[in-house]
C-alpha atoms as a PDB file:
ATOM      1  CA  MET A   1      -4.462  -8.284 -15.096  1.00  0.00           C
ATOM      2  CA  ARG A   2      -3.230 -11.772 -15.809  1.00  0.00           C
ATOM      3  CA  PRO A   3      -3.571 -14.884 -13.630  1.00  0.00           C
ATOM      4  CA  GLY A   4      -1.968 -14.554 -10.234  1.00  0.00           C
ATOM      5  CA  GLY A   5      -3.966 -11.582  -9.010  1.00  0.00           C
ATOM      6  CA  PRO A   6      -4.654  -8.040 -10.193  1.00  0.00           C
ATOM      7  CA  TYR A   7      -1.347  -6.780  -8.819  1.00  0.00           C
ATOM      8  CA  THR A   8       0.907  -9.337 -10.518  1.00  0.00           C
ATOM      9  CA  GLN A   9       1.625  -7.606 -13.835  1.00  0.00           C
ATOM     10  CA  LEU A  10       2.127  -4.234 -12.139  1.00  0.00           C
ATOM     11  CA  ILE A  11       4.584  -5.704  -9.645  1.00  0.00           C
ATOM     12  CA  ILE A  12       6.505  -7.163 -12.586  1.00  0.00           C
ATOM     13  CA  ALA A  13       6.367  -3.941 -14.612  1.00  0.00           C
ATOM     14  CA  ALA A  14       7.124  -1.408 -11.857  1.00  0.00           C
ATOM     15  CA  PRO A  15      10.910  -2.021 -11.641  1.00  0.00           C
ATOM     16  CA  PHE A  16      11.207  -1.775 -15.422  1.00  0.00           C
ATOM     17  CA  MET A  17       9.163   1.444 -15.442  1.00  0.00           C
ATOM     18  CA  LEU A  18      11.568   2.886 -12.879  1.00  0.00           C
ATOM     19  CA  ALA A  19      14.451   1.655 -15.036  1.00  0.00           C
ATOM     20  CA  VAL A  20      13.089   3.780 -17.896  1.00  0.00           C
ATOM     21  CA  GLY A  21      13.605   6.871 -15.751  1.00  0.00           C
ATOM     22  CA  ALA A  22      17.094   5.689 -14.836  1.00  0.00           C
ATOM     23  CA  ALA A  23      17.955   5.167 -18.508  1.00  0.00           C
ATOM     24  CA  TYR A  24      16.884   8.695 -19.399  1.00  0.00           C
ATOM     25  CA  ALA A  25      18.887   9.950 -16.414  1.00  0.00           C
ATOM     26  CA  VAL A  26      22.146   8.670 -17.904  1.00  0.00           C
ATOM     27  CA  LEU A  27      21.409   9.879 -21.454  1.00  0.00           C
ATOM     28  CA  PRO A  28      23.197  13.250 -20.891  1.00  0.00           C
ATOM     29  CA  LEU A  29      26.462  11.299 -20.755  1.00  0.00           C
ATOM     30  CA  ALA A  30      26.089  10.966 -24.535  1.00  0.00           C
ATOM     31  CA  TRP A  31      26.935  14.665 -24.939  1.00  0.00           C
ATOM     32  CA  ASP A  32      29.189  14.916 -21.874  1.00  0.00           C
ATOM     33  CA  GLY A  33      26.372  16.615 -19.993  1.00  0.00           C
ATOM     34  CA  ALA A  34      25.251  16.261 -16.398  1.00  0.00           C
ATOM     35  CA  LEU A  35      21.937  16.396 -14.609  1.00  0.00           C
ATOM     36  CA  VAL A  36      21.092  19.481 -12.581  1.00  0.00           C
ATOM     37  CA  TRP A  37      19.354  17.864  -9.641  1.00  0.00           C
ATOM     38  CA  SER A  38      17.677  21.038  -8.423  1.00  0.00           C
ATOM     39  CA  ALA A  39      16.161  21.396 -11.904  1.00  0.00           C
ATOM     40  CA  VAL A  40      14.965  17.778 -11.736  1.00  0.00           C
ATOM     41  CA  GLY A  41      13.135  18.710  -8.542  1.00  0.00           C
ATOM     42  CA  PHE A  42      11.604  21.805 -10.095  1.00  0.00           C
ATOM     43  CA  GLY A  43      10.450  19.712 -13.043  1.00  0.00           C
ATOM     44  CA  ALA A  44       8.700  17.303 -10.698  1.00  0.00           C
ATOM     45  CA  LEU A  45       7.160  20.232  -8.834  1.00  0.00           C
ATOM     46  CA  GLY A  46       5.905  21.774 -12.076  1.00  0.00           C
ATOM     47  CA  TRP A  47       4.198  18.508 -13.026  1.00  0.00           C
ATOM     48  CA  ALA A  48       2.568  18.286  -9.592  1.00  0.00           C
ATOM     49  CA  VAL A  49       1.259  21.860  -9.823  1.00  0.00           C
ATOM     50  CA  ALA A  50      -0.159  21.197 -13.294  1.00  0.00           C
ATOM     51  CA  LEU A  51      -1.813  18.016 -11.997  1.00  0.00           C
ATOM     52  CA  ALA A  52      -3.338  19.932  -9.087  1.00  0.00           C
ATOM     53  CA  PHE A  53      -4.997  22.316 -11.529  1.00  0.00           C
ATOM     54  CA  ARG A  54      -6.805  19.360 -13.109  1.00  0.00           C
ATOM     55  CA  GLY A  55      -8.804  19.122  -9.870  1.00  0.00           C
ATOM     56  CA  PRO A  56     -10.887  22.239 -10.579  1.00  0.00           C
ATOM     57  CA  VAL A  57     -11.471  20.979 -14.133  1.00  0.00           C
ATOM     58  CA  ALA A  58     -12.826  17.705 -12.766  1.00  0.00           C
ATOM     59  CA  LEU A  59     -15.035  19.560 -10.274  1.00  0.00           C
ATOM     60  CA  LEU A  60     -16.518  21.697 -13.045  1.00  0.00           C
ATOM     61  CA  VAL A  61     -17.280  18.617 -15.142  1.00  0.00           C
ATOM     62  CA  ARG A  62     -18.844  16.841 -12.165  1.00  0.00           C
ATOM     63  CA  ARG A  63     -21.441  19.577 -11.932  1.00  0.00           C
ATOM     64  CA  THR A  64     -22.955  18.219 -15.116  1.00  0.00           C
ATOM     65  CA  SER A  65     -21.813  14.588 -15.103  1.00  0.00           C
ATOM     66  CA  GLU A  66     -20.595  11.953 -12.646  1.00  0.00           C
ATOM     67  CA  SER A  67     -19.343   9.816 -15.508  1.00  0.00           C
ATOM     68  CA  ILE A  68     -15.708   8.800 -15.048  1.00  0.00           C
ATOM     69  CA  PRO A  69     -15.140   8.583 -18.836  1.00  0.00           C
ATOM     70  CA  THR A  70     -16.482  12.134 -19.277  1.00  0.00           C
ATOM     71  CA  ILE A  71     -14.261  13.462 -16.496  1.00  0.00           C
ATOM     72  CA  GLN A  72     -11.261  11.568 -17.889  1.00  0.00           C
ATOM     73  CA  ARG A  73     -11.745  12.986 -21.375  1.00  0.00           C
ATOM     74  CA  ALA A  74     -12.198  16.521 -20.050  1.00  0.00           C
ATOM     75  CA  SER A  75      -9.011  16.180 -18.018  1.00  0.00           C
ATOM     76  CA  ALA A  76      -7.142  14.897 -21.083  1.00  0.00           C
ATOM     77  CA  ALA A  77      -8.463  17.758 -23.214  1.00  0.00           C
ATOM     78  CA  ALA A  78      -7.260  20.284 -20.632  1.00  0.00           C
ATOM     79  CA  SER A  79      -3.874  18.622 -20.099  1.00  0.00           C
ATOM     80  CA  GLY A  80      -2.016  20.615 -22.747  1.00  0.00           C
ATOM     81  CA  ALA A  81      -3.335  23.980 -21.557  1.00  0.00           C
ATOM     82  CA  LEU A  82      -2.433  23.106 -17.959  1.00  0.00           C
ATOM     83  CA  GLU A  83       0.953  21.440 -18.390  1.00  0.00           C
ATOM     84  CA  GLU A  84       2.692  23.280 -21.203  1.00  0.00           C
ATOM     85  CA  PRO A  85       2.440  26.841 -19.788  1.00  0.00           C
ATOM     86  CA  ALA A  86       3.577  25.435 -16.438  1.00  0.00           C
ATOM     87  CA  ARG A  87       6.514  23.749 -18.160  1.00  0.00           C
ATOM     88  CA  LEU A  88       7.510  27.006 -19.833  1.00  0.00           C
ATOM     89  CA  ILE A  89       7.238  28.944 -16.562  1.00  0.00           C
ATOM     90  CA  VAL A  90       9.599  26.473 -14.876  1.00  0.00           C
ATOM     91  CA  LEU A  91      12.054  26.827 -17.759  1.00  0.00           C
ATOM     92  CA  VAL A  92      11.988  30.623 -17.563  1.00  0.00           C
ATOM     93  CA  LEU A  93      12.493  30.614 -13.796  1.00  0.00           C
ATOM     94  CA  VAL A  94      15.074  27.825 -13.545  1.00  0.00           C
ATOM     95  CA  GLY A  95      17.046  27.905 -16.797  1.00  0.00           C
ATOM     96  CA  ARG A  96      16.929  27.065 -20.500  1.00  0.00           C
ATOM     97  CA  ASP A  97      20.418  25.713 -21.204  1.00  0.00           C
ATOM     98  CA  LEU A  98      20.657  22.101 -22.404  1.00  0.00           C
ATOM     99  CA  ASP A  99      21.490  20.357 -19.129  1.00  0.00           C
ATOM    100  CA  THR A 100      19.016  22.386 -17.089  1.00  0.00           C
ATOM    101  CA  ALA A 101      16.179  21.985 -19.582  1.00  0.00           C
ATOM    102  CA  TYR A 102      16.852  18.259 -19.925  1.00  0.00           C
ATOM    103  CA  SER A 103      16.834  17.923 -16.136  1.00  0.00           C
ATOM    104  CA  ILE A 104      13.505  19.738 -15.883  1.00  0.00           C
ATOM    105  CA  GLY A 105      12.049  17.394 -18.497  1.00  0.00           C
ATOM    106  CA  LEU A 106      13.438  14.372 -16.672  1.00  0.00           C
ATOM    107  CA  GLY A 107      11.879  15.522 -13.400  1.00  0.00           C
ATOM    108  CA  TRP A 108       8.574  16.008 -15.213  1.00  0.00           C
ATOM    109  CA  ALA A 109       8.743  12.531 -16.741  1.00  0.00           C
ATOM    110  CA  GLY A 110      10.133  10.850 -13.625  1.00  0.00           C
ATOM    111  CA  VAL A 111       7.397  11.929 -11.246  1.00  0.00           C
ATOM    112  CA  GLU A 112       4.821  10.838 -13.823  1.00  0.00           C
ATOM    113  CA  ILE A 113       6.374   7.365 -13.773  1.00  0.00           C
ATOM    114  CA  LEU A 114       5.856   7.226 -10.011  1.00  0.00           C
ATOM    115  CA  TYR A 115       2.303   8.507 -10.456  1.00  0.00           C
ATOM    116  CA  ALA A 116       1.604   5.822 -13.069  1.00  0.00           C
ATOM    117  CA  ILE A 117       2.787   3.088 -10.709  1.00  0.00           C
ATOM    118  CA  VAL A 118       0.706   4.384  -7.796  1.00  0.00           C
ATOM    119  CA  ASN A 119      -2.307   4.843 -10.059  1.00  0.00           C
ATOM    120  CA  GLY A 120      -1.867   1.289 -11.307  1.00  0.00           C
ATOM    121  CA  PHE A 121      -2.059  -0.054  -7.767  1.00  0.00           C
ATOM    122  CA  LEU A 122      -5.193   2.035  -7.138  1.00  0.00           C
ATOM    123  CA  LEU A 123      -6.827   0.574 -10.255  1.00  0.00           C
ATOM    124  CA  ALA A 124      -5.845  -2.910  -9.123  1.00  0.00           C
ATOM    125  CA  THR A 125      -7.479  -2.214  -5.754  1.00  0.00           C
ATOM    126  CA  ILE A 126     -10.710  -1.164  -7.473  1.00  0.00           C
ATOM    127  CA  ARG A 127     -10.715  -4.532  -9.241  1.00  0.00           C
ATOM    128  CA  THR A 128     -10.620  -6.374  -5.925  1.00  0.00           C
ATOM    129  CA  ARG A 129     -13.268  -4.355  -4.054  1.00  0.00           C
ATOM    130  CA  THR A 130     -16.910  -5.418  -4.066  1.00  0.00           C
ATOM    131  CA  ASP A 131     -18.706  -2.360  -2.624  1.00  0.00           C
ATOM    132  CA  ASP A 132     -21.268  -0.553  -4.803  1.00  0.00           C
ATOM    133  CA  LYS A 133     -19.060   2.469  -5.543  1.00  0.00           C
ATOM    134  CA  ALA A 134     -16.172   0.253  -6.597  1.00  0.00           C
ATOM    135  CA  VAL A 135     -18.438  -1.836  -8.835  1.00  0.00           C
ATOM    136  CA  GLN A 136     -19.781   1.313 -10.523  1.00  0.00           C
ATOM    137  CA  ALA A 137     -16.306   2.788 -10.957  1.00  0.00           C
ATOM    138  CA  ARG A 138     -15.021  -0.537 -12.283  1.00  0.00           C
ATOM    139  CA  LYS A 139     -17.709  -0.627 -14.981  1.00  0.00           C
ATOM    140  CA  GLN A 140     -16.864   2.886 -16.169  1.00  0.00           C
ATOM    141  CA  LEU A 141     -13.122   2.249 -16.114  1.00  0.00           C
ATOM    142  CA  GLU A 142     -13.652  -0.976 -18.064  1.00  0.00           C
ATOM    143  CA  ASP A 143     -15.491   1.030 -20.716  1.00  0.00           C
ATOM    144  CA  LEU A 144     -12.432   3.282 -20.983  1.00  0.00           C
ATOM    145  CA  GLY A 145     -10.158   0.264 -21.320  1.00  0.00           C
ATOM    146  CA  PHE A 146      -8.138   0.914 -18.173  1.00  0.00           C
ATOM    147  CA  LEU A 147      -8.956  -2.427 -16.536  1.00  0.00           C
ATOM    148  CA  ARG A 148      -8.169  -4.716 -19.437  1.00  0.00           C
ATOM    149  CA  ASP A 149      -5.566  -7.457 -19.048  1.00  0.00           C
ATOM    150  CA  PHE A 150      -2.383  -5.886 -20.394  1.00  0.00           C
ATOM    151  CA  PRO A 151       1.017  -7.598 -20.451  1.00  0.00           C
ATOM    152  CA  ALA A 152       3.597  -6.162 -18.070  1.00  0.00           C
ATOM    153  CA  TYR A 153       5.669  -4.673 -20.889  1.00  0.00           C
ATOM    154  CA  ALA A 154       2.779  -2.442 -22.033  1.00  0.00           C
ATOM    155  CA  GLY A 155       3.260   0.036 -19.206  1.00  0.00           C
ATOM    156  CA  VAL A 156       7.006   0.041 -19.790  1.00  0.00           C
ATOM    157  CA  ILE A 157       6.607   0.909 -23.479  1.00  0.00           C
ATOM    158  CA  GLU A 158       4.195   3.695 -22.570  1.00  0.00           C
ATOM    159  CA  ARG A 159       6.660   5.213 -20.120  1.00  0.00           C
ATOM    160  CA  VAL A 160       9.463   5.117 -22.706  1.00  0.00           C
ATOM    161  CA  SER A 161       7.305   7.059 -25.171  1.00  0.00           C
ATOM    162  CA  ALA A 162       5.586   9.411 -22.717  1.00  0.00           C
ATOM    163  CA  SER A 163       8.878  10.282 -21.024  1.00  0.00           C
ATOM    164  CA  ALA A 164      10.399  10.985 -24.428  1.00  0.00           C
ATOM    165  CA  PHE A 165       7.560  13.395 -25.146  1.00  0.00           C
ATOM    166  CA  HIS A 166       7.991  15.263 -21.852  1.00  0.00           C
ATOM    167  CA  ILE A 167      11.753  15.613 -22.184  1.00  0.00           C
ATOM    168  CA  GLY A 168      11.593  16.491 -25.867  1.00  0.00           C
ATOM    169  CA  THR A 169       8.869  19.090 -25.386  1.00  0.00           C
ATOM    170  CA  THR A 170      10.834  20.675 -22.552  1.00  0.00           C
ATOM    171  CA  LEU A 171      13.905  20.969 -24.775  1.00  0.00           C
ATOM    172  CA  LEU A 172      11.871  22.423 -27.637  1.00  0.00           C
ATOM    173  CA  LEU A 173      10.244  25.039 -25.393  1.00  0.00           C
ATOM    174  CA  ALA A 174      13.664  25.930 -24.003  1.00  0.00           C
ATOM    175  CA  TRP A 175      14.908  26.399 -27.563  1.00  0.00           C
ATOM    176  CA  SER A 176      11.884  28.446 -28.669  1.00  0.00           C
ATOM    177  CA  PRO A 177       9.117  29.442 -26.217  1.00  0.00           C
ATOM    178  CA  VAL A 178       6.931  30.327 -29.228  1.00  0.00           C
ATOM    179  CA  LEU A 179       6.460  26.578 -29.713  1.00  0.00           C
ATOM    180  CA  LEU A 180       4.061  26.715 -26.769  1.00  0.00           C
ATOM    181  CA  ILE A 181       1.409  27.479 -29.395  1.00  0.00           C
ATOM    182  CA  ALA A 182       1.939  24.022 -30.884  1.00  0.00           C
ATOM    183  CA  ALA A 183       2.774  22.171 -27.663  1.00  0.00           C
ATOM    184  CA  VAL A 184      -0.613  22.817 -26.038  1.00  0.00           C
ATOM    185  CA  PRO A 185      -2.835  21.222 -28.720  1.00  0.00           C
ATOM    186  CA  VAL A 186      -0.359  18.419 -29.469  1.00  0.00           C
ATOM    187  CA  HIS A 187      -0.199  17.439 -25.796  1.00  0.00           C
ATOM    188  CA  SER A 188      -3.988  17.371 -25.449  1.00  0.00           C
ATOM    189  CA  ALA A 189      -4.409  15.497 -28.740  1.00  0.00           C
ATOM    190  CA  LEU A 190      -1.872  12.892 -27.615  1.00  0.00           C
ATOM    191  CA  ASN A 191      -3.766  12.179 -24.409  1.00  0.00           C
ATOM    192  CA  LEU A 192      -7.163  12.189 -26.097  1.00  0.00           C
ATOM    193  CA  GLY A 193      -5.902   9.863 -28.810  1.00  0.00           C
ATOM    194  CA  PHE A 194      -4.523   7.447 -26.237  1.00  0.00           C
ATOM    195  CA  ILE A 195      -7.815   7.369 -24.330  1.00  0.00           C
ATOM    196  CA  ALA A 196      -9.833   6.918 -27.530  1.00  0.00           C
ATOM    197  CA  LEU A 197      -7.734   4.020 -28.807  1.00  0.00           C
ATOM    198  CA  LEU A 198      -7.093   2.210 -25.520  1.00  0.00           C
ATOM    199  CA  PRO A 199     -10.458   0.349 -25.360  1.00  0.00           C
ATOM    200  CA  ARG A 200      -9.924  -0.937 -28.908  1.00  0.00           C
ATOM    201  CA  SER A 201      -6.252  -1.799 -28.950  1.00  0.00           C
ATOM    202  CA  MET A 202      -3.343  -1.261 -26.580  1.00  0.00           C
ATOM    203  CA  VAL A 203      -0.978  -1.582 -29.559  1.00  0.00           C
ATOM    204  CA  ARG A 204      -2.656   1.305 -31.385  1.00  0.00           C
ATOM    205  CA  ALA A 205      -2.756   3.432 -28.245  1.00  0.00           C
ATOM    206  CA  GLN A 206       0.943   2.829 -27.634  1.00  0.00           C
ATOM    207  CA  ALA A 207       1.686   3.558 -31.280  1.00  0.00           C
ATOM    208  CA  VAL A 208       0.105   7.011 -30.977  1.00  0.00           C
ATOM    209  CA  VAL A 209       2.291   7.868 -27.997  1.00  0.00           C
ATOM    210  CA  GLY A 210       5.409   6.400 -29.585  1.00  0.00           C
ATOM    211  CA  VAL A 211       4.953   7.965 -33.013  1.00  0.00           C
ATOM    212  CA  ILE A 212       4.663  11.402 -31.411  1.00  0.00           C
ATOM    213  CA  GLY A 213       6.847  11.088 -28.317  1.00  0.00           C
ATOM    214  CA  LEU A 214      10.061   9.639 -29.734  1.00  0.00           C
ATOM    215  CA  PRO A 215      10.362  12.084 -32.675  1.00  0.00           C
ATOM    216  CA  VAL A 216       9.657  14.960 -30.275  1.00  0.00           C
ATOM    217  CA  LEU A 217      12.593  13.830 -28.140  1.00  0.00           C
ATOM    218  CA  GLY A 218      14.793  13.598 -31.220  1.00  0.00           C
ATOM    219  CA  ALA A 219      13.717  17.065 -32.348  1.00  0.00           C
ATOM    220  CA  GLY A 220      14.335  18.491 -28.885  1.00  0.00           C
ATOM    221  CA  LEU A 221      17.837  17.019 -28.673  1.00  0.00           C
ATOM    222  CA  ALA A 222      18.639  18.271 -32.177  1.00  0.00           C
ATOM    223  CA  ALA A 223      17.347  21.767 -31.424  1.00  0.00           C
ATOM    224  CA  ALA A 224      19.425  21.882 -28.251  1.00  0.00           C
ATOM    225  CA  GLY A 225      22.532  20.785 -30.140  1.00  0.00           C
ATOM    226  CA  ALA A 226      22.872  17.494 -28.275  1.00  0.00           C
ATOM    227  CA  ILE A 227      22.845  15.449 -31.482  1.00  0.00           C
END
């Protein structure tokens, strides 16, 4: 992070990251819609369940490698297969109308914002520790690009784009569950592309997320008849 300590940029960015979620929460007003708060909760729960299933993936990879980059890439590759079916299951169980689907997507995106903030503080803590395990983890995370000095707005831009992808994908799956066939590989490719580009350029990594995420949101809103 920048001068002032490893927590400084995150402390600056965190309120704006939360504001991204708030901005998406008021977007339904554009079509005279309203959030379904129970669906928001189910969306957050679906994301948490999908995240929990990444644990077994990481354990399987650790049997052959303790490398954090290897585990991170394996988790990214599996993300589409873990999240998108879970997203569709939540839609089928909770509802597929516009407001309900949007609310599920918002819950999915919102809890990921909180996770990103918490994860950012954990990474900042690793930067300040001096024990052997922390030093080893820091070296591997530096190779991935996660410990580079990013401006505060970088995390905010990422949340705008990633949240757009989650909400848009939820709307598209609500419109046509068959799109699960495309959602799985696109989701995994998005995460793998971000990880691959991050060590080279934050701008390029953000561009990948933005170029995919924002059009997906537009497509989802159009398919649902919101625009």
